[in-house]
C-alpha atoms as a PDB file:
ATOM      1  CA  MET A   1     -76.291  66.766 -97.210  1.00  0.00           C
ATOM      2  CA  PRO A   2     -74.169  66.022-100.288  1.00  0.00           C
ATOM      3  CA  GLU A   3     -71.217  68.017 -99.018  1.00  0.00           C
ATOM      4  CA  LEU A   4     -71.089  66.268 -95.621  1.00  0.00           C
ATOM      5  CA  ARG A   5     -71.059  62.783 -97.167  1.00  0.00           C
ATOM      6  CA  LEU A   6     -68.271  63.850 -99.449  1.00  0.00           C
ATOM      7  CA  ILE A   7     -66.096  64.998 -96.545  1.00  0.00           C
ATOM      8  CA  LEU A   8     -66.628  61.772 -94.683  1.00  0.00           C
ATOM      9  CA  ARG A   9     -65.734  59.728 -97.688  1.00  0.00           C
ATOM     10  CA  ARG A  10     -62.609  61.803 -98.260  1.00  0.00           C
ATOM     11  CA  GLY A  11     -61.520  61.437 -94.636  1.00  0.00           C
ATOM     12  CA  LEU A  12     -62.254  57.728 -94.430  1.00  0.00           C
ATOM     13  CA  ILE A  13     -60.140  56.620 -97.332  1.00  0.00           C
ATOM     14  CA  PRO A  14     -56.764  57.812 -95.978  1.00  0.00           C
ATOM     15  CA  GLY A  15     -57.493  56.209 -92.593  1.00  0.00           C
ATOM     16  CA  VAL A  16     -58.286  52.887 -94.170  1.00  0.00           C
ATOM     17  CA  ALA A  17     -55.113  53.095 -96.200  1.00  0.00           C
ATOM     18  CA  LEU A  18     -53.036  53.795 -93.097  1.00  0.00           C
ATOM     19  CA  LEU A  19     -54.547  50.822 -91.253  1.00  0.00           C
ATOM     20  CA  LEU A  20     -53.818  48.512 -94.122  1.00  0.00           C
ATOM     21  CA  ALA A  21     -50.266  49.755 -94.289  1.00  0.00           C
ATOM     22  CA  GLY A  22     -49.713  48.867 -90.578  1.00  0.00           C
ATOM     23  CA  CYS A  23     -50.772  45.299 -91.203  1.00  0.00           C
ATOM     24  CA  ASN A  24     -48.234  44.749 -93.980  1.00  0.00           C
ATOM     25  CA  PRO A  25     -46.331  41.402 -93.321  1.00  0.00           C
ATOM     26  CA  SER A  26     -43.145  42.810 -94.796  1.00  0.00           C
ATOM     27  CA  ASP A  27     -42.699  45.175 -91.815  1.00  0.00           C
ATOM     28  CA  ASP A  28     -42.735  42.400 -88.977  1.00  0.00           C
ATOM     29  CA  THR A  29     -38.939  42.281 -88.321  1.00  0.00           C
ATOM     30  CA  SER A  30     -39.163  40.658 -84.820  1.00  0.00           C
ATOM     31  CA  SER A  31     -40.760  37.467 -86.084  1.00  0.00           C
ATOM     32  CA  GLN A  32     -38.035  37.044 -88.697  1.00  0.00           C
ATOM     33  CA  SER A  33     -34.939  37.593 -86.357  1.00  0.00           C
ATOM     34  CA  ALA A  34     -35.817  35.300 -83.292  1.00  0.00           C
ATOM     35  CA  PRO A  35     -34.314  31.745 -83.726  1.00  0.00           C
ATOM     36  CA  PRO A  36     -36.240  28.678 -82.674  1.00  0.00           C
ATOM     37  CA  PRO A  37     -35.599  27.494 -79.028  1.00  0.00           C
ATOM     38  CA  SER A  38     -33.150  24.609 -78.385  1.00  0.00           C
ATOM     39  CA  VAL A  39     -34.729  21.560 -76.779  1.00  0.00           C
ATOM     40  CA  THR A  40     -32.880  18.522 -75.284  1.00  0.00           C
ATOM     41  CA  VAL A  41     -34.488  15.272 -76.099  1.00  0.00           C
ATOM     42  CA  ALA A  42     -33.850  11.986 -74.234  1.00  0.00           C
ATOM     43  CA  ALA A  43     -35.385   8.611 -74.484  1.00  0.00           C
ATOM     44  CA  ALA A  44     -37.490   7.574 -71.495  1.00  0.00           C
ATOM     45  CA  VAL A  45     -36.006   4.662 -69.548  1.00  0.00           C
ATOM     46  CA  SER A  46     -37.798   2.669 -66.851  1.00  0.00           C
ATOM     47  CA  LYS A  47     -35.535   1.752 -63.792  1.00  0.00           C
ATOM     48  CA  GLU A  48     -35.442   1.717 -59.944  1.00  0.00           C
ATOM     49  CA  VAL A  49     -34.218   4.975 -58.367  1.00  0.00           C
ATOM     50  CA  ARG A  50     -32.947   5.154 -54.753  1.00  0.00           C
ATOM     51  CA  GLN A  51     -32.837   8.394 -52.816  1.00  0.00           C
ATOM     52  CA  SER A  52     -29.364   9.372 -51.582  1.00  0.00           C
ATOM     53  CA  ALA A  53     -27.576  12.342 -50.007  1.00  0.00           C
ATOM     54  CA  ARG A  54     -23.928  13.382 -49.608  1.00  0.00           C
ATOM     55  CA  PHE A  55     -22.437  14.812 -46.375  1.00  0.00           C
ATOM     56  CA  VAL A  56     -18.977  15.883 -45.159  1.00  0.00           C
ATOM     57  CA  GLY A  57     -17.934  13.695 -42.160  1.00  0.00           C
ATOM     58  CA  ARG A  58     -14.973  12.553 -40.006  1.00  0.00           C
ATOM     59  CA  VAL A  59     -13.961   9.048 -38.934  1.00  0.00           C
ATOM     60  CA  GLN A  60     -13.405   8.653 -35.170  1.00  0.00           C
ATOM     61  CA  ALA A  61     -12.529   5.612 -33.048  1.00  0.00           C
ATOM     62  CA  VAL A  62     -15.128   4.197 -30.700  1.00  0.00           C
ATOM     63  CA  ASP A  63     -12.674   4.163 -27.759  1.00  0.00           C
ATOM     64  CA  ASP A  64      -9.643   6.284 -26.940  1.00  0.00           C
ATOM     65  CA  VAL A  65      -6.819   4.609 -25.034  1.00  0.00           C
ATOM     66  CA  ASN A  66      -3.945   6.523 -23.445  1.00  0.00           C
ATOM     67  CA  LEU A  67      -0.643   4.653 -23.406  1.00  0.00           C
ATOM     68  CA  ILE A  68       1.119   5.541 -20.146  1.00  0.00           C
ATOM     69  CA  ALA A  69       4.306   3.857 -18.940  1.00  0.00           C
ATOM     70  CA  ARG A  70       4.370   2.636 -15.352  1.00  0.00           C
ATOM     71  CA  VAL A  71       8.015   3.566 -15.003  1.00  0.00           C
ATOM     72  CA  SER A  72       9.987   6.551 -16.207  1.00  0.00           C
ATOM     73  CA  GLY A  73      12.977   6.397 -18.498  1.00  0.00           C
ATOM     74  CA  PHE A  74      14.364   7.152 -21.926  1.00  0.00           C
ATOM     75  CA  LEU A  75      12.695   5.528 -24.923  1.00  0.00           C
ATOM     76  CA  ALA A  76      15.022   3.067 -26.622  1.00  0.00           C
ATOM     77  CA  SER A  77      12.748   1.780 -29.404  1.00  0.00           C
ATOM     78  CA  LYS A  78       9.211   2.054 -30.742  1.00  0.00           C
ATOM     79  CA  ASN A  79       7.829  -1.294 -31.886  1.00  0.00           C
ATOM     80  CA  VAL A  80       4.459  -0.273 -33.373  1.00  0.00           C
ATOM     81  CA  GLU A  81       3.321   2.243 -35.977  1.00  0.00           C
ATOM     82  CA  ASP A  82       0.865   4.997 -35.151  1.00  0.00           C
ATOM     83  CA  GLY A  83      -2.713   3.938 -35.802  1.00  0.00           C
ATOM     84  CA  ALA A  84      -1.858   0.240 -36.049  1.00  0.00           C
ATOM     85  CA  THR A  85      -4.000  -2.433 -34.440  1.00  0.00           C
ATOM     86  CA  VAL A  86      -2.314  -4.022 -31.431  1.00  0.00           C
ATOM     87  CA  ASP A  87      -3.041  -7.055 -29.295  1.00  0.00           C
ATOM     88  CA  SER A  88      -3.117  -7.400 -25.556  1.00  0.00           C
ATOM     89  CA  GLY A  89       0.352  -8.048 -24.201  1.00  0.00           C
ATOM     90  CA  GLN A  90       2.106  -6.907 -27.376  1.00  0.00           C
ATOM     91  CA  LEU A  91       5.423  -5.096 -26.894  1.00  0.00           C
ATOM     92  CA  LEU A  92       4.919  -1.484 -27.925  1.00  0.00           C
ATOM     93  CA  PHE A  93       7.952   0.381 -26.592  1.00  0.00           C
ATOM     94  CA  THR A  94      11.307  -0.440 -25.053  1.00  0.00           C
ATOM     95  CA  ILE A  95      12.887   1.711 -22.329  1.00  0.00           C
ATOM     96  CA  GLU A  96      16.645   1.927 -21.831  1.00  0.00           C
ATOM     97  CA  ARG A  97      17.812  -0.790 -19.455  1.00  0.00           C
ATOM     98  CA  ALA A  98      21.028   0.761 -18.102  1.00  0.00           C
ATOM     99  CA  PRO A  99      19.512   2.980 -15.345  1.00  0.00           C
ATOM    100  CA  TYR A 100      17.364   0.146 -14.027  1.00  0.00           C
ATOM    101  CA  GLU A 101      20.186  -2.336 -14.154  1.00  0.00           C
ATOM    102  CA  ALA A 102      22.299   0.061 -12.082  1.00  0.00           C
ATOM    103  CA  THR A 103      19.477   0.482  -9.565  1.00  0.00           C
ATOM    104  CA  LEU A 104      19.021  -3.286  -9.376  1.00  0.00           C
ATOM    105  CA  ALA A 105      22.729  -3.800  -8.785  1.00  0.00           C
ATOM    106  CA  SER A 106      22.702  -1.207  -6.005  1.00  0.00           C
ATOM    107  CA  ALA A 107      19.682  -2.875  -4.387  1.00  0.00           C
ATOM    108  CA  LYS A 108      21.370  -6.274  -4.546  1.00  0.00           C
ATOM    109  CA  ALA A 109      24.471  -4.800  -2.909  1.00  0.00           C
ATOM    110  CA  ASP A 110      22.344  -3.270  -0.143  1.00  0.00           C
ATOM    111  CA  ALA A 111      20.610  -6.598   0.366  1.00  0.00           C
ATOM    112  CA  ALA A 112      23.958  -8.376   0.597  1.00  0.00           C
ATOM    113  CA  ARG A 113      25.193  -5.870   3.196  1.00  0.00           C
ATOM    114  CA  ALA A 114      21.979  -6.242   5.170  1.00  0.00           C
ATOM    115  CA  GLN A 115      22.303 -10.028   5.113  1.00  0.00           C
ATOM    116  CA  ALA A 116      25.919  -9.805   6.278  1.00  0.00           C
ATOM    117  CA  ASP A 117      24.894  -7.411   9.064  1.00  0.00           C
ATOM    118  CA  ALA A 118      22.074  -9.741  10.080  1.00  0.00           C
ATOM    119  CA  ALA A 119      24.480 -12.679  10.187  1.00  0.00           C
ATOM    120  CA  LEU A 120      26.894 -10.657  12.332  1.00  0.00           C
ATOM    121  CA  LYS A 121      24.150  -9.675  14.738  1.00  0.00           C
ATOM    122  CA  ALA A 122      22.974 -13.269  14.919  1.00  0.00           C
ATOM    123  CA  ALA A 123      26.508 -14.325  15.832  1.00  0.00           C
ATOM    124  CA  ASP A 124      26.633 -11.595  18.501  1.00  0.00           C
ATOM    125  CA  LEU A 125      23.320 -12.809  19.855  1.00  0.00           C
ATOM    126  CA  GLU A 126      24.613 -16.358  20.126  1.00  0.00           C
ATOM    127  CA  ARG A 127      27.686 -15.140  22.021  1.00  0.00           C
ATOM    128  CA  ASP A 128      25.485 -13.085  24.354  1.00  0.00           C
ATOM    129  CA  LYS A 129      23.293 -16.102  25.005  1.00  0.00           C
ATOM    130  CA  ASP A 130      26.359 -18.153  25.851  1.00  0.00           C
ATOM    131  CA  LEU A 131      27.525 -15.463  28.291  1.00  0.00           C
ATOM    132  CA  PHE A 132      24.065 -15.271  29.828  1.00  0.00           C
ATOM    133  CA  ASP A 133      24.015 -19.028  30.289  1.00  0.00           C
ATOM    134  CA  LYS A 134      27.406 -18.858  32.029  1.00  0.00           C
ATOM    135  CA  GLY A 135      26.289 -16.059  34.317  1.00  0.00           C
ATOM    136  CA  HIS A 136      28.250 -13.279  32.622  1.00  0.00           C
ATOM    137  CA  VAL A 137      26.952 -10.088  31.078  1.00  0.00           C
ATOM    138  CA  SER A 138      28.865  -8.442  28.252  1.00  0.00           C
ATOM    139  CA  GLN A 139      29.029  -4.742  27.570  1.00  0.00           C
ATOM    140  CA  ALA A 140      27.715  -5.532  24.119  1.00  0.00           C
ATOM    141  CA  ALA A 141      24.407  -6.667  25.624  1.00  0.00           C
ATOM    142  CA  LEU A 142      24.076  -3.418  27.562  1.00  0.00           C
ATOM    143  CA  ASP A 143      24.936  -1.467  24.429  1.00  0.00           C
ATOM    144  CA  GLN A 144      22.338  -3.360  22.453  1.00  0.00           C
ATOM    145  CA  ALA A 145      19.691  -2.657  25.082  1.00  0.00           C
ATOM    146  CA  GLY A 146      20.723   1.005  25.076  1.00  0.00           C
ATOM    147  CA  GLU A 147      20.275   1.170  21.293  1.00  0.00           C
ATOM    148  CA  LEU A 148      16.792  -0.295  21.621  1.00  0.00           C
ATOM    149  CA  LEU A 149      15.974   2.280  24.279  1.00  0.00           C
ATOM    150  CA  SER A 150      17.284   5.181  22.169  1.00  0.00           C
ATOM    151  CA  SER A 151      15.318   4.048  19.135  1.00  0.00           C
ATOM    152  CA  GLY A 152      12.063   4.007  21.114  1.00  0.00           C
ATOM    153  CA  ASP A 153      11.687   0.220  21.171  1.00  0.00           C
ATOM    154  CA  PHE A 154      10.848   0.265  24.868  1.00  0.00           C
ATOM    155  CA  GLN A 155       9.262  -3.176  25.084  1.00  0.00           C
ATOM    156  CA  ASN A 156      12.259  -5.033  23.661  1.00  0.00           C
ATOM    157  CA  ALA A 157      14.645  -2.828  25.636  1.00  0.00           C
ATOM    158  CA  ALA A 158      12.815  -3.693  28.865  1.00  0.00           C
ATOM    159  CA  ALA A 159      12.895  -7.396  27.993  1.00  0.00           C
ATOM    160  CA  LEU A 160      16.652  -7.317  27.335  1.00  0.00           C
ATOM    161  CA  TYR A 161      17.399  -5.326  30.503  1.00  0.00           C
ATOM    162  CA  SER A 162      15.299  -7.792  32.504  1.00  0.00           C
ATOM    163  CA  ARG A 163      17.270 -10.689  31.086  1.00  0.00           C
ATOM    164  CA  ILE A 164      20.550  -8.958  31.967  1.00  0.00           C
ATOM    165  CA  LEU A 165      19.339  -8.457  35.543  1.00  0.00           C
ATOM    166  CA  GLN A 166      18.543 -12.161  35.845  1.00  0.00           C
ATOM    167  CA  HIS A 167      22.257 -12.859  35.542  1.00  0.00           C
ATOM    168  CA  ASP A 168      23.549  -9.668  37.151  1.00  0.00           C
ATOM    169  CA  PRO A 169      20.980  -8.283  39.630  1.00  0.00           C
ATOM    170  CA  GLU A 170      23.370  -5.534  40.791  1.00  0.00           C
ATOM    171  CA  SER A 171      24.013  -4.015  37.362  1.00  0.00           C
ATOM    172  CA  LEU A 172      23.205  -0.330  37.903  1.00  0.00           C
ATOM    173  CA  ALA A 173      23.171   0.337  34.163  1.00  0.00           C
ATOM    174  CA  ALA A 174      20.623  -2.426  33.641  1.00  0.00           C
ATOM    175  CA  ILE A 175      18.433  -1.213  36.528  1.00  0.00           C
ATOM    176  CA  ALA A 176      18.450   2.380  35.285  1.00  0.00           C
ATOM    177  CA  GLY A 177      17.853   1.200  31.731  1.00  0.00           C
ATOM    178  CA  LEU A 178      14.895  -0.924  32.780  1.00  0.00           C
ATOM    179  CA  LEU A 179      13.391   2.057  34.648  1.00  0.00           C
ATOM    180  CA  ARG A 180      13.721   4.271  31.592  1.00  0.00           C
ATOM    181  CA  ALA A 181      12.268   1.578  29.335  1.00  0.00           C
ATOM    182  CA  LEU A 182       9.245   1.220  31.625  1.00  0.00           C
ATOM    183  CA  ILE A 183       8.801   4.996  31.677  1.00  0.00           C
ATOM    184  CA  GLY A 184       8.984   5.171  27.891  1.00  0.00           C
ATOM    185  CA  ALA A 185       6.434   2.363  27.570  1.00  0.00           C
ATOM    186  CA  GLY A 186       4.000   4.293  29.768  1.00  0.00           C
ATOM    187  CA  GLN A 187       4.324   1.841  32.666  1.00  0.00           C
ATOM    188  CA  ALA A 188       4.992   4.408  35.389  1.00  0.00           C
ATOM    189  CA  GLU A 189       3.432   2.277  38.118  1.00  0.00           C
ATOM    190  CA  GLU A 190       5.727  -0.662  37.325  1.00  0.00           C
ATOM    191  CA  ALA A 191       8.730   1.683  37.351  1.00  0.00           C
ATOM    192  CA  ARG A 192       7.686   3.114  40.735  1.00  0.00           C
ATOM    193  CA  ALA A 193       7.279  -0.416  42.149  1.00  0.00           C
ATOM    194  CA  LEU A 194      10.765  -1.352  40.903  1.00  0.00           C
ATOM    195  CA  LEU A 195      12.239   1.694  42.627  1.00  0.00           C
ATOM    196  CA  ALA A 196      10.535   0.789  45.886  1.00  0.00           C
ATOM    197  CA  ASP A 197      12.117  -2.690  45.877  1.00  0.00           C
ATOM    198  CA  LEU A 198      15.678  -1.463  45.304  1.00  0.00           C
ATOM    199  CA  PRO A 199      18.213  -1.443  48.152  1.00  0.00           C
ATOM    200  CA  GLU A 200      18.919   2.032  49.487  1.00  0.00           C
ATOM    201  CA  GLU A 201      22.510   2.150  48.250  1.00  0.00           C
ATOM    202  CA  VAL A 202      21.376   1.155  44.760  1.00  0.00           C
ATOM    203  CA  ALA A 203      18.519   3.675  44.746  1.00  0.00           C
ATOM    204  CA  LYS A 204      20.956   6.486  45.630  1.00  0.00           C
ATOM    205  CA  SER A 205      23.367   5.705  42.789  1.00  0.00           C
ATOM    206  CA  ALA A 206      23.743   8.336  40.088  1.00  0.00           C
ATOM    207  CA  GLU A 207      22.335   6.097  37.354  1.00  0.00           C
ATOM    208  CA  VAL A 208      19.214   5.132  39.274  1.00  0.00           C
ATOM    209  CA  GLU A 209      18.713   8.661  40.658  1.00  0.00           C
ATOM    210  CA  SER A 210      18.721  10.015  37.119  1.00  0.00           C
ATOM    211  CA  ALA A 211      16.082   7.457  36.120  1.00  0.00           C
ATOM    212  CA  ARG A 212      14.008   8.379  39.173  1.00  0.00           C
ATOM    213  CA  GLN A 213      14.055  12.042  38.128  1.00  0.00           C
ATOM    214  CA  ALA A 214      12.877  11.000  34.685  1.00  0.00           C
ATOM    215  CA  LEU A 215      10.019   9.103  36.333  1.00  0.00           C
ATOM    216  CA  ASP A 216       9.073  12.144  38.437  1.00  0.00           C
ATOM    217  CA  LEU A 217       9.089  14.312  35.346  1.00  0.00           C
ATOM    218  CA  ALA A 218       6.960  11.815  33.425  1.00  0.00           C
ATOM    219  CA  GLU A 219       4.344  11.685  36.175  1.00  0.00           C
ATOM    220  CA  GLU A 220       4.325  15.473  36.549  1.00  0.00           C
ATOM    221  CA  ALA A 221       4.090  16.015  32.810  1.00  0.00           C
ATOM    222  CA  ALA A 222       1.297  13.475  32.387  1.00  0.00           C
ATOM    223  CA  ALA A 223      -0.972  15.701  34.470  1.00  0.00           C
ATOM    224  CA  ALA A 224      -0.361  18.648  32.116  1.00  0.00           C
ATOM    225  CA  ALA A 225      -0.613  16.662  28.862  1.00  0.00           C
ATOM    226  CA  GLY A 226      -4.410  16.930  28.791  1.00  0.00           C
ATOM    227  CA  GLU A 227      -4.230  20.729  28.977  1.00  0.00           C
ATOM    228  CA  LEU A 228      -2.010  21.194  25.915  1.00  0.00           C
ATOM    229  CA  ALA A 229      -4.563  22.997  23.716  1.00  0.00           C
ATOM    230  CA  GLN A 230      -5.845  25.113  26.602  1.00  0.00           C
ATOM    231  CA  LEU A 231      -2.333  26.210  27.571  1.00  0.00           C
ATOM    232  CA  GLN A 232      -1.517  27.144  23.984  1.00  0.00           C
ATOM    233  CA  ALA A 233      -4.649  29.281  23.827  1.00  0.00           C
ATOM    234  CA  LEU A 234      -3.725  31.047  27.074  1.00  0.00           C
ATOM    235  CA  LEU A 235      -0.291  31.925  25.728  1.00  0.00           C
ATOM    236  CA  GLU A 236      -1.746  33.280  22.494  1.00  0.00           C
ATOM    237  CA  ARG A 237      -3.784  35.724  24.565  1.00  0.00           C
ATOM    238  CA  ASN A 238      -0.955  36.566  26.962  1.00  0.00           C
ATOM    239  CA  PRO A 239       2.613  35.635  25.896  1.00  0.00           C
ATOM    240  CA  ALA A 240       3.913  36.882  29.262  1.00  0.00           C
ATOM    241  CA  ASP A 241       2.001  34.176  31.177  1.00  0.00           C
ATOM    242  CA  HIS A 242       5.101  32.311  32.394  1.00  0.00           C
ATOM    243  CA  ASP A 243       3.139  29.917  34.586  1.00  0.00           C
ATOM    244  CA  SER A 244       1.115  28.665  31.585  1.00  0.00           C
ATOM    245  CA  ARG A 245       4.292  28.439  29.497  1.00  0.00           C
ATOM    246  CA  PHE A 246       5.976  26.370  32.230  1.00  0.00           C
ATOM    247  CA  LYS A 247       3.011  23.980  32.277  1.00  0.00           C
ATOM    248  CA  LEU A 248       3.088  23.883  28.489  1.00  0.00           C
ATOM    249  CA  ALA A 249       6.725  22.769  28.618  1.00  0.00           C
ATOM    250  CA  MET A 250       5.692  19.884  30.871  1.00  0.00           C
ATOM    251  CA  ALA A 251       2.873  18.977  28.484  1.00  0.00           C
ATOM    252  CA  TYR A 252       5.311  18.915  25.564  1.00  0.00           C
ATOM    253  CA  TYR A 253       7.635  16.719  27.627  1.00  0.00           C
ATOM    254  CA  ALA A 254       4.795  14.278  28.241  1.00  0.00           C
ATOM    255  CA  THR A 255       4.027  14.028  24.527  1.00  0.00           C
ATOM    256  CA  GLY A 256       7.702  13.434  23.681  1.00  0.00           C
ATOM    257  CA  ASP A 257       8.221  16.750  21.903  1.00  0.00           C
ATOM    258  CA  LYS A 258      11.631  17.488  23.435  1.00  0.00           C
ATOM    259  CA  GLU A 259      12.453  20.479  21.255  1.00  0.00           C
ATOM    260  CA  ALA A 260       9.175  22.231  22.097  1.00  0.00           C
ATOM    261  CA  ALA A 261       9.568  21.436  25.810  1.00  0.00           C
ATOM    262  CA  ALA A 262      13.075  22.875  25.963  1.00  0.00           C
ATOM    263  CA  GLY A 263      12.051  25.820  23.780  1.00  0.00           C
ATOM    264  CA  ALA A 264       9.238  26.807  26.134  1.00  0.00           C
ATOM    265  CA  LEU A 265      11.563  26.875  29.165  1.00  0.00           C
ATOM    266  CA  LEU A 266      14.244  28.759  27.221  1.00  0.00           C
ATOM    267  CA  GLU A 267      11.649  31.378  26.282  1.00  0.00           C
ATOM    268  CA  ILE A 268      10.798  31.896  29.973  1.00  0.00           C
ATOM    269  CA  ILE A 269      14.493  32.303  30.786  1.00  0.00           C
ATOM    270  CA  ARG A 270      14.919  34.765  27.918  1.00  0.00           C
ATOM    271  CA  ARG A 271      11.988  36.886  29.116  1.00  0.00           C
ATOM    272  CA  ASN A 272      12.673  36.635  32.862  1.00  0.00           C
ATOM    273  CA  ARG A 273      15.717  34.691  34.036  1.00  0.00           C
ATOM    274  CA  SER A 274      14.818  34.736  37.735  1.00  0.00           C
ATOM    275  CA  TRP A 275      11.115  33.944  37.339  1.00  0.00           C
ATOM    276  CA  ASN A 276       9.760  31.818  40.213  1.00  0.00           C
ATOM    277  CA  GLU A 277      13.201  31.443  41.830  1.00  0.00           C
ATOM    278  CA  ASP A 278      14.867  30.277  38.629  1.00  0.00           C
ATOM    279  CA  ALA A 279      12.293  27.498  38.177  1.00  0.00           C
ATOM    280  CA  ALA A 280      12.582  27.385  34.363  1.00  0.00           C
ATOM    281  CA  ARG A 281      16.350  26.822  34.371  1.00  0.00           C
ATOM    282  CA  THR A 282      16.080  24.230  37.150  1.00  0.00           C
ATOM    283  CA  GLN A 283      13.441  22.327  35.223  1.00  0.00           C
ATOM    284  CA  LEU A 284      15.460  22.557  32.022  1.00  0.00           C
ATOM    285  CA  LEU A 285      18.441  20.967  33.775  1.00  0.00           C
ATOM    286  CA  LYS A 286      16.161  18.148  34.881  1.00  0.00           C
ATOM    287  CA  PHE A 287      15.190  17.658  31.254  1.00  0.00           C
ATOM    288  CA  PHE A 288      18.861  17.445  30.321  1.00  0.00           C
ATOM    289  CA  GLU A 289      19.434  14.857  33.014  1.00  0.00           C
ATOM    290  CA  ALA A 290      16.478  12.782  31.862  1.00  0.00           C
ATOM    291  CA  TRP A 291      17.403  12.938  28.176  1.00  0.00           C
ATOM    292  CA  GLY A 292      21.069  12.218  28.739  1.00  0.00           C
ATOM    293  CA  PRO A 293      24.196  14.283  28.052  1.00  0.00           C
ATOM    294  CA  LYS A 294      24.619  13.033  24.468  1.00  0.00           C
ATOM    295  CA  ASP A 295      21.058  13.712  23.369  1.00  0.00           C
ATOM    296  CA  GLU A 296      20.890  16.137  20.414  1.00  0.00           C
ATOM    297  CA  VAL A 297      18.207  18.295  22.043  1.00  0.00           C
ATOM    298  CA  THR A 298      20.241  18.395  25.252  1.00  0.00           C
ATOM    299  CA  LEU A 299      23.321  19.586  23.394  1.00  0.00           C
ATOM    300  CA  SER A 300      21.532  22.231  21.325  1.00  0.00           C
ATOM    301  CA  SER A 301      19.507  23.489  24.309  1.00  0.00           C
ATOM    302  CA  ARG A 302      22.632  23.777  26.452  1.00  0.00           C
ATOM    303  CA  ARG A 303      24.177  26.013  23.786  1.00  0.00           C
ATOM    304  CA  ALA A 304      21.012  28.116  23.627  1.00  0.00           C
ATOM    305  CA  LEU A 305      20.934  28.418  27.427  1.00  0.00           C
ATOM    306  CA  SER A 306      24.546  29.593  27.513  1.00  0.00           C
ATOM    307  CA  SER A 307      23.823  32.149  24.819  1.00  0.00           C
ATOM    308  CA  ILE A 308      20.914  33.574  26.835  1.00  0.00           C
ATOM    309  CA  LEU A 309      22.717  33.644  30.167  1.00  0.00           C
ATOM    310  CA  PHE A 310      25.918  35.203  28.864  1.00  0.00           C
ATOM    311  CA  SER A 311      24.491  37.600  26.300  1.00  0.00           C
END
C-alpha cells in the first residue's frame, strides 16, 4: 500500500494549495470598490402634528340672482361693478329717459283730448236736458242714441230713446230705435208689446216696418240658434244641403255673426240661385234691411251678391 498513499499525498497537496489561493484577501476587489452608504441624520423633536389634506376646489355663491329689468330700453349707465355686494333698493342701472318721456307726453296729450271731449259731451248733455225740459227733441239726441245702438250699448240706447219719446211720442226714429234696442237686448217680448200698442199709421211707417222685420228675423233665428253645431255637422257631410245652410244662416244671425249669416245665404245663391223660389236672396235682403244700408256687412254683401248675379 505504499504506492497508493503516495499518490493520495501527491494529489492532495495541489488541491490544498488551490483552496488557499482562492481565499487570498488581496483578490477581493468588490469589497474595496463599494463606498459606504449615505445616511441623513436629524435630531428628534417632540411636537403636536395635525392631519391635513389638499384639494382643488371652486368658490360658488349660495344664491344666484338674475337681474331683469321690468321695462325695455337702452342702457344709459351701469352703477355697480360685477361681483360687488349690493343693498336692497340700490340703483344698479339707468335706462335712457327720452323714449319714456316721449310716451308720457303723448299719454298726457291723449288725456287732455279725452278730458276736452268729455267736457264737450257734458255740455251737449246739458243742452239736451234743457231741450227735453222744454219739450223739444234735438237731432243730436237721436244721433247720440243711434251711436249707442250701433256700438251695442242696447240698454243705454233704449233708455235714451224712451226719454226722447216722453217728449215726442210721435218720433218715428225714436220708436224704431227703441224697437231695435229692445231686440238687441234680447227683450223680444217687450218689443212685440210695443208694436202692438202703436197706432196703425205709425206701425206701417218705413222706419217701424223695418224694425218689425228685424224683430221677426230675431224670433225666427232664435229657434235655429240652438241647432248651430248640428247644422254645421250636416253641411260637412253634405255641402249641397241648402235647407240646412239656410237654417245655419238664421242661427248665425241669432248669434250676431253677420258675416257668417250673409256668407251662408250667398253660398246658396252661388250654388243654386233659384233654390226654394229665391228664398236665399229674399232672406238676404231682409238681413240688409235689418242691418241698415250703411252697415259694413250690408255693403260688402251687396257687392258680393251683384258679382254672383251678374257673373
